[in-house]
N, C-alpha and C. Protein backbone atom coordinates (compact mmCIF):
# COMPACT_ATOMS: atom_id res chain seq x y z
N MET A 1 0.89 -0.73 -0.21
CA MET A 1 -0.11 -0.06 -0.16
C MET A 1 1.11 1.24 -0.04
N ALA A 2 0.17 1.89 -0.94
CA ALA A 2 1.07 3.56 -0.98
C ALA A 2 1.15 4.49 0.51
N LYS A 3 1.83 5.38 0.43
CA LYS A 3 1.77 6.19 1.90
C LYS A 3 1.33 7.44 1.07
N PHE A 4 0.18 8.24 1.58
CA PHE A 4 0.03 9.43 0.67
C PHE A 4 0.10 10.62 1.86
N LYS A 5 0.58 11.36 1.32
CA LYS A 5 0.84 12.75 2.20
C LYS A 5 -1.42 13.44 2.40
N ILE A 6 -1.71 12.84 1.84
CA ILE A 6 -3.30 13.86 1.98
C ILE A 6 -3.70 12.27 2.95
N LYS A 7 -4.62 13.20 3.90
CA LYS A 7 -5.74 12.39 5.20
C LYS A 7 -7.08 12.94 4.88
N GLN A 8 -7.87 12.04 5.52
CA GLN A 8 -8.96 12.43 5.71
C GLN A 8 -9.29 13.35 6.10
N GLY A 9 -10.08 14.27 5.97
CA GLY A 9 -10.66 15.86 6.46
C GLY A 9 -9.38 16.74 6.06
N ASP A 10 -8.84 16.35 4.97
CA ASP A 10 -7.88 17.62 4.28
C ASP A 10 -8.46 18.15 3.60
N LEU A 11 -8.44 19.56 3.13
CA LEU A 11 -8.74 20.71 2.07
C LEU A 11 -7.65 20.36 1.16
N VAL A 12 -8.37 19.69 -0.29
CA VAL A 12 -7.69 19.49 -1.53
C VAL A 12 -8.07 20.34 -2.58
N GLN A 13 -7.23 20.30 -3.93
CA GLN A 13 -7.52 20.90 -4.76
C GLN A 13 -7.67 20.12 -6.14
N VAL A 14 -8.24 20.09 -7.17
CA VAL A 14 -8.84 19.34 -8.04
C VAL A 14 -7.35 19.83 -9.35
N ILE A 15 -6.98 19.29 -9.52
CA ILE A 15 -5.75 19.56 -10.63
C ILE A 15 -5.61 19.06 -11.98
N ALA A 16 -6.44 18.43 -12.09
CA ALA A 16 -6.89 17.67 -13.70
C ALA A 16 -8.27 17.42 -13.71
N GLY A 17 -8.74 16.59 -14.84
CA GLY A 17 -10.33 16.46 -15.25
C GLY A 17 -11.49 17.80 -15.21
N LYS A 18 -12.50 17.07 -15.00
CA LYS A 18 -13.79 17.91 -15.32
C LYS A 18 -14.43 18.54 -14.17
N ASP A 19 -13.44 18.18 -13.04
CA ASP A 19 -13.94 19.30 -12.02
C ASP A 19 -12.50 20.15 -11.80
N LYS A 20 -11.87 20.79 -12.17
CA LYS A 20 -10.43 20.77 -12.15
C LYS A 20 -10.35 22.99 -11.96
N GLY A 21 -9.84 23.26 -10.88
CA GLY A 21 -9.73 24.12 -10.01
C GLY A 21 -10.58 24.19 -8.97
N ARG A 22 -11.65 23.19 -8.65
CA ARG A 22 -12.78 23.59 -7.28
C ARG A 22 -11.79 22.86 -6.39
N THR A 23 -12.52 23.06 -5.26
CA THR A 23 -11.73 22.58 -3.72
C THR A 23 -13.15 21.62 -2.89
N GLY A 24 -12.61 21.19 -2.34
CA GLY A 24 -13.67 20.02 -1.43
C GLY A 24 -12.57 19.86 -0.38
N LYS A 25 -13.44 19.05 0.92
CA LYS A 25 -12.62 18.27 1.79
C LYS A 25 -12.65 16.61 1.60
N VAL A 26 -11.58 16.48 1.68
CA VAL A 26 -11.63 14.71 1.48
C VAL A 26 -12.65 13.60 2.58
N LEU A 27 -13.40 13.01 2.15
CA LEU A 27 -14.28 12.52 2.68
C LEU A 27 -13.93 10.96 3.45
N ARG A 28 -13.15 10.33 1.77
CA ARG A 28 -12.65 8.94 1.96
C ARG A 28 -11.10 8.79 1.81
N VAL A 29 -10.22 7.94 2.15
CA VAL A 29 -8.59 7.40 1.22
C VAL A 29 -8.95 6.19 1.13
N LEU A 30 -9.18 5.52 -0.08
CA LEU A 30 -9.17 3.98 -0.62
C LEU A 30 -7.31 4.12 -0.88
N ARG A 31 -6.47 3.52 0.04
CA ARG A 31 -5.20 3.22 -0.44
C ARG A 31 -5.00 2.33 -1.04
N ALA A 32 -5.91 1.13 -1.13
CA ALA A 32 -5.74 0.22 -2.53
C ALA A 32 -5.75 0.74 -3.52
N ASP A 33 -6.37 1.62 -4.01
CA ASP A 33 -6.93 1.64 -5.15
C ASP A 33 -6.05 3.30 -5.85
N ASN A 34 -5.25 3.90 -4.78
CA ASN A 34 -4.60 5.21 -4.99
C ASN A 34 -5.85 6.43 -4.66
N ARG A 35 -6.84 6.39 -4.28
CA ARG A 35 -7.84 7.03 -4.51
C ARG A 35 -8.21 7.76 -3.98
N ILE A 36 -9.09 9.05 -3.51
CA ILE A 36 -9.49 9.73 -2.60
C ILE A 36 -10.89 9.98 -3.35
N VAL A 37 -11.98 10.41 -2.45
CA VAL A 37 -13.07 10.68 -2.63
C VAL A 37 -13.46 12.45 -1.88
N VAL A 38 -13.58 13.04 -2.35
CA VAL A 38 -13.98 14.78 -2.03
C VAL A 38 -15.58 14.80 -2.40
N GLU A 39 -15.71 15.54 -1.49
CA GLU A 39 -17.05 16.28 -0.58
C GLU A 39 -17.45 16.87 -1.82
N GLY A 40 -18.58 16.76 -2.89
CA GLY A 40 -18.95 17.50 -3.50
C GLY A 40 -18.34 17.55 -5.32
N LEU A 41 -17.33 16.62 -5.23
CA LEU A 41 -16.65 17.14 -6.69
C LEU A 41 -16.82 15.60 -6.58
N ASN A 42 -16.17 15.12 -8.66
CA ASN A 42 -16.52 13.95 -9.31
C ASN A 42 -17.89 13.69 -8.89
N LEU A 43 -19.15 14.19 -9.38
CA LEU A 43 -20.60 13.49 -9.03
C LEU A 43 -20.91 12.67 -9.89
N VAL A 44 -21.38 11.89 -9.65
CA VAL A 44 -22.18 10.62 -10.48
C VAL A 44 -23.19 10.57 -10.47
N LYS A 45 -24.26 10.03 -11.33
CA LYS A 45 -25.48 9.46 -11.51
C LYS A 45 -25.77 8.17 -11.34
N ARG A 46 -26.32 7.20 -10.36
CA ARG A 46 -27.03 5.92 -10.30
C ARG A 46 -27.96 6.11 -10.15
N HIS A 47 -28.44 4.58 -10.59
CA HIS A 47 -29.58 4.23 -10.48
C HIS A 47 -29.77 3.69 -9.10
N GLN A 48 -31.10 3.64 -8.23
CA GLN A 48 -31.43 2.62 -7.42
C GLN A 48 -32.65 2.18 -7.72
N LYS A 49 -33.11 0.54 -7.09
CA LYS A 49 -34.21 0.17 -7.28
C LYS A 49 -35.17 0.42 -6.00
N PRO A 50 -35.98 0.17 -6.70
CA PRO A 50 -36.94 0.24 -5.41
C PRO A 50 -37.27 -0.57 -4.81
N THR A 51 -37.36 0.26 -3.25
CA THR A 51 -37.58 -1.26 -2.20
C THR A 51 -39.18 -0.50 -1.61
N ALA A 52 -39.26 -1.46 0.02
CA ALA A 52 -40.54 -1.28 0.18
C ALA A 52 -40.66 -0.25 0.37
N GLU A 53 -40.15 0.62 1.03
CA GLU A 53 -39.84 1.70 1.88
C GLU A 53 -39.47 3.10 1.08
N GLN A 54 -39.28 2.76 -0.08
CA GLN A 54 -38.86 4.19 -1.40
C GLN A 54 -39.15 3.71 -2.40
N PRO A 55 -39.60 4.51 -3.40
CA PRO A 55 -39.73 4.50 -4.70
C PRO A 55 -38.15 4.46 -5.62
N GLY A 56 -38.19 3.86 -7.11
CA GLY A 56 -37.09 3.50 -7.57
C GLY A 56 -36.14 5.31 -7.63
N GLN A 57 -35.29 5.68 -7.66
CA GLN A 57 -34.85 7.00 -7.56
C GLN A 57 -33.41 7.00 -8.46
N VAL A 58 -33.22 8.36 -9.26
CA VAL A 58 -32.02 8.32 -9.43
C VAL A 58 -30.76 9.28 -8.50
N VAL A 59 -29.81 8.95 -7.84
CA VAL A 59 -29.02 9.40 -7.06
C VAL A 59 -27.51 10.21 -7.09
N GLU A 60 -27.28 11.01 -7.15
CA GLU A 60 -26.23 11.56 -7.34
C GLU A 60 -25.19 11.68 -6.13
N LYS A 61 -23.84 10.60 -6.15
CA LYS A 61 -23.23 10.56 -5.54
C LYS A 61 -21.76 10.44 -5.94
N GLU A 62 -20.57 10.98 -5.15
CA GLU A 62 -19.60 11.05 -5.38
C GLU A 62 -18.54 9.66 -5.42
N ALA A 63 -17.65 10.22 -6.91
CA ALA A 63 -17.00 9.10 -7.13
C ALA A 63 -15.55 9.23 -6.88
N PRO A 64 -14.73 8.24 -6.05
CA PRO A 64 -13.09 8.60 -6.06
C PRO A 64 -12.40 8.75 -7.14
N LEU A 65 -11.64 10.22 -7.11
CA LEU A 65 -10.62 10.83 -8.23
C LEU A 65 -9.42 10.03 -7.52
N HIS A 66 -8.29 10.05 -8.65
CA HIS A 66 -7.08 9.41 -8.38
C HIS A 66 -6.08 10.58 -7.65
N ILE A 67 -5.49 9.78 -6.44
CA ILE A 67 -4.56 10.96 -5.84
C ILE A 67 -3.97 11.95 -6.54
N SER A 68 -3.39 11.38 -7.83
CA SER A 68 -2.32 12.05 -8.33
C SER A 68 -2.67 13.58 -9.09
N ASN A 69 -4.64 13.66 -9.29
CA ASN A 69 -5.28 14.49 -9.54
C ASN A 69 -5.86 16.03 -8.70
N VAL A 70 -5.36 15.45 -7.87
CA VAL A 70 -5.35 16.38 -6.52
C VAL A 70 -4.11 17.03 -5.89
N ALA A 71 -4.40 18.19 -5.49
CA ALA A 71 -3.19 18.66 -4.45
C ALA A 71 -3.88 19.14 -2.80
N LEU A 72 -3.12 19.14 -2.12
CA LEU A 72 -3.22 20.19 -0.70
C LEU A 72 -3.67 21.56 -1.18
N TRP A 73 -4.62 22.02 -0.56
CA TRP A 73 -5.04 23.35 -0.89
C TRP A 73 -5.21 24.75 0.75
N ASN A 74 -3.92 25.17 0.77
CA ASN A 74 -4.19 26.16 1.99
C ASN A 74 -5.44 27.32 1.79
N ALA A 75 -5.99 27.23 2.80
CA ALA A 75 -7.30 28.40 2.62
C ALA A 75 -6.61 29.32 2.68
N ASP A 76 -6.10 29.72 3.60
CA ASP A 76 -5.59 31.06 4.60
C ASP A 76 -4.68 31.42 3.08
N GLU A 77 -3.71 30.91 2.05
CA GLU A 77 -3.10 32.12 1.52
C GLU A 77 -3.54 31.41 0.32
N SER A 78 -4.69 30.75 0.05
CA SER A 78 -5.20 30.64 -1.35
C SER A 78 -4.19 30.31 -2.66
N ARG A 79 -3.69 29.13 -1.99
CA ARG A 79 -2.41 28.17 -2.69
C ARG A 79 -2.60 27.13 -2.34
N ARG A 80 -1.69 25.89 -3.54
CA ARG A 80 -1.62 24.94 -3.13
C ARG A 80 -0.14 24.23 -3.02
N VAL A 81 -0.42 23.16 -1.69
CA VAL A 81 0.66 22.97 -0.79
C VAL A 81 1.47 22.15 -1.50
N LYS A 82 2.57 21.95 -1.19
CA LYS A 82 3.49 20.75 -1.04
C LYS A 82 3.88 20.52 0.13
N ALA A 83 3.63 19.03 0.60
CA ALA A 83 3.84 18.39 2.06
C ALA A 83 5.04 17.60 1.94
N GLY A 84 5.36 18.19 3.39
CA GLY A 84 6.88 17.26 3.80
C GLY A 84 7.04 16.85 4.88
N TYR A 85 7.62 16.19 5.52
CA TYR A 85 8.08 15.90 7.29
C TYR A 85 9.03 16.53 8.07
N LYS A 86 8.42 16.90 9.15
CA LYS A 86 9.71 17.54 9.71
C LYS A 86 9.03 16.50 11.43
N VAL A 87 10.04 16.28 12.16
CA VAL A 87 10.15 16.37 13.42
C VAL A 87 10.24 16.96 14.62
N VAL A 88 9.19 17.07 15.33
CA VAL A 88 8.89 18.58 15.81
C VAL A 88 8.48 17.38 17.72
N ASP A 89 9.68 17.80 18.44
CA ASP A 89 9.36 17.38 19.60
C ASP A 89 9.11 16.00 19.77
N GLY A 90 9.56 15.01 19.02
CA GLY A 90 9.02 13.25 19.13
C GLY A 90 8.09 12.97 17.84
N LYS A 91 7.04 14.14 17.88
CA LYS A 91 6.28 13.79 16.97
C LYS A 91 6.39 14.22 15.51
N LYS A 92 6.04 13.46 14.55
CA LYS A 92 6.10 13.48 12.91
C LYS A 92 4.98 14.40 12.48
N LEU A 93 5.22 15.32 12.01
CA LEU A 93 4.48 16.65 11.58
C LEU A 93 4.23 16.39 10.22
N ARG A 94 3.03 17.09 9.39
CA ARG A 94 3.56 17.01 8.15
C ARG A 94 3.75 18.87 8.33
N VAL A 95 4.49 19.25 6.70
CA VAL A 95 4.76 20.71 7.08
C VAL A 95 4.51 21.06 5.88
N ASP A 96 4.36 22.84 4.97
CA ASP A 96 4.19 23.14 4.27
C ASP A 96 5.75 22.88 3.95
N ARG A 97 6.52 22.36 2.38
CA ARG A 97 7.34 22.38 2.16
C ARG A 97 7.97 24.07 1.39
N LYS A 98 6.93 24.76 1.56
CA LYS A 98 7.37 26.38 1.40
C LYS A 98 7.73 27.18 1.83
N SER A 99 6.89 27.59 2.86
CA SER A 99 6.67 28.07 4.62
C SER A 99 7.34 27.39 5.50
N GLY A 100 7.35 25.69 5.58
CA GLY A 100 7.59 25.70 7.07
C GLY A 100 6.55 25.45 7.87
N ASN A 101 5.54 25.80 7.67
CA ASN A 101 4.14 25.92 8.30
C ASN A 101 3.60 24.38 8.78
N PRO A 102 3.15 24.17 9.90
CA PRO A 102 2.51 22.57 9.61
C PRO A 102 0.81 22.68 9.10
N ILE A 103 0.92 21.57 8.48
CA ILE A 103 -0.26 21.24 7.62
C ILE A 103 -1.49 21.46 8.98
N ASP A 104 -1.23 20.19 9.61
CA ASP A 104 -1.83 19.32 11.10
C ASP A 104 -2.44 20.00 11.43
N ALA A 105 -1.96 21.42 11.85
CA ALA A 105 -2.51 22.71 13.18
C ALA A 105 -3.64 23.69 12.19
N GLN A 106 -3.73 23.22 10.50
CA GLN A 106 -5.18 24.06 10.25
C GLN A 106 -6.08 23.78 10.64
């Protein structure tokens, strides 16, 4: 399994595909497939069969995006972030490689 610098709950920007330029929060990380699910992005329509409680319907839901098509987003500075690692007080933290500010504190 791959090691990702993007975690659940991070804010990311799509850098390729139909949602290029849009930002959203990471809902799930699918490590085995190298993909992530981003809230409100890469929406697809799926048909749902009728059940005893509800009729059949068409549901819109988020589909996974490949991890290489997204970048971490810093909302405070409105720019993409490249993540690196630094050990501070015995803890391994993700940091912005440009400014050195911790990402996990955001």
